[in-house]
Protein backbone atom coordinates (compact mmCIF):
# COMPACT_ATOMS: atom_id res chain seq x y z
CA MET A 1 0.18 14.51 -14.12
CA GLU A 2 -1.08 10.71 -12.77
CA PRO A 3 -3.22 9.46 -15.57
CA GLU A 4 -7.22 8.05 -14.03
CA ILE A 5 -7.91 5.56 -12.31
CA ASP A 6 -11.01 2.93 -14.24
CA GLU A 7 -13.37 1.13 -12.31
CA GLU A 8 -12.03 -1.92 -13.48
CA GLU A 9 -7.90 -0.43 -11.41
CA LEU A 10 -9.95 1.30 -8.46
CA GLU A 11 -11.93 -2.60 -7.66
CA GLU A 12 -8.58 -4.14 -7.63
CA LEU A 13 -7.25 -1.78 -5.32
CA ARG A 14 -9.69 -1.57 -3.45
CA LEU A 15 -9.82 -5.05 -2.93
CA GLY A 16 -5.27 -5.19 -2.77
CA PHE A 17 -6.33 -2.56 0.29
CA GLU A 18 -9.01 -4.94 1.60
CA THR A 19 -6.94 -7.61 1.82
CA ALA A 20 -3.51 -5.78 3.37
CA ASP A 21 -6.01 -4.32 6.68
CA VAL A 22 -6.05 -7.21 7.95
CA ASN A 23 -7.93 -5.67 10.92
CA GLY A 24 -10.81 -4.08 9.20
CA ASP A 25 -10.29 -0.18 11.05
CA GLY A 26 -10.10 2.22 7.35
CA ALA A 27 -6.35 1.81 7.19
CA ILE A 28 -2.72 -0.51 7.19
CA ASN A 29 -0.29 0.12 9.81
CA PHE A 30 3.47 -1.27 9.19
CA ARG A 31 2.87 -4.80 10.79
CA GLU A 32 0.18 -4.66 7.72
CA PHE A 33 2.33 -3.59 5.04
CA SER A 34 4.70 -6.07 6.32
CA ASP A 35 2.97 -8.83 5.57
CA PHE A 36 1.21 -7.81 2.56
CA VAL A 37 4.50 -7.30 0.69
CA ARG A 38 6.18 -9.61 2.59
CA ASP A 39 3.39 -12.34 0.10
CA LEU A 40 4.19 -10.10 -2.77
CA MET A 41 8.07 -10.39 -2.28
CA ASP A 42 10.60 -13.09 -1.59
CA GLU A 43 11.90 -11.81 1.60
CA PRO A 44 11.94 -7.48 1.15
CA ALA A 45 14.36 -6.53 3.73
CA LYS A 46 13.44 -4.71 6.85
CA GLU A 47 14.08 -1.37 6.09
CA GLU A 48 12.59 -1.98 2.64
CA LEU A 49 9.76 -2.47 4.37
CA GLU A 50 10.29 0.52 6.26
CA ILE A 51 11.58 2.71 3.15
CA GLY A 52 7.96 1.88 1.54
CA PHE A 53 6.35 2.31 4.52
CA ASP A 54 7.15 5.99 4.74
CA GLU A 55 6.77 6.77 1.09
CA ALA A 56 3.41 5.61 1.44
CA ASP A 57 2.53 6.82 3.93
CA ALA A 58 2.19 10.07 2.63
CA TYR A 59 0.64 12.08 5.63
CA LYS A 60 3.76 10.69 8.32
CA ASN A 61 0.66 9.48 10.80
CA GLY A 62 2.27 6.59 11.15
CA VAL A 63 -1.18 4.14 8.62
CA ILE A 64 -1.61 3.84 5.01
CA ASN A 65 -5.15 5.17 4.29
CA PHE A 66 -6.69 4.18 0.95
CA GLU A 67 -5.50 7.29 -1.18
CA GLU A 68 -2.09 7.27 0.56
CA PHE A 69 -2.32 3.35 -0.86
CA ILE A 70 -3.60 3.13 -4.68
CA ARG A 71 -0.70 6.58 -5.21
CA TRP A 72 2.23 4.06 -3.37
CA TRP A 73 0.39 1.08 -5.62
CA ARG A 74 0.50 2.81 -8.66
CA SER A 75 4.57 4.31 -7.80
CA THR A 76 5.83 0.54 -8.00
CA ILE A 77 4.16 -0.89 -11.39
CA SER A 78 5.25 2.93 -12.63
CA ASP A 79 10.04 2.69 -11.57
């Protein structure tokens, strides 16, 4: 079971999500995800981006919502 998210962490995650959601539609598409990850990592391979996006897109609808973003972010920092 994942630990609870406190208000400070939730606010940081919201800010990260809003930063990634460049067009402001409330979801992160592959292009936005790729740009966001490239800002965090030094030259990730396209395959890495595709795998990361696929893992984050839990609902398999081609976008990442805030709930999916939280799960993805927390899984990346716990690895």
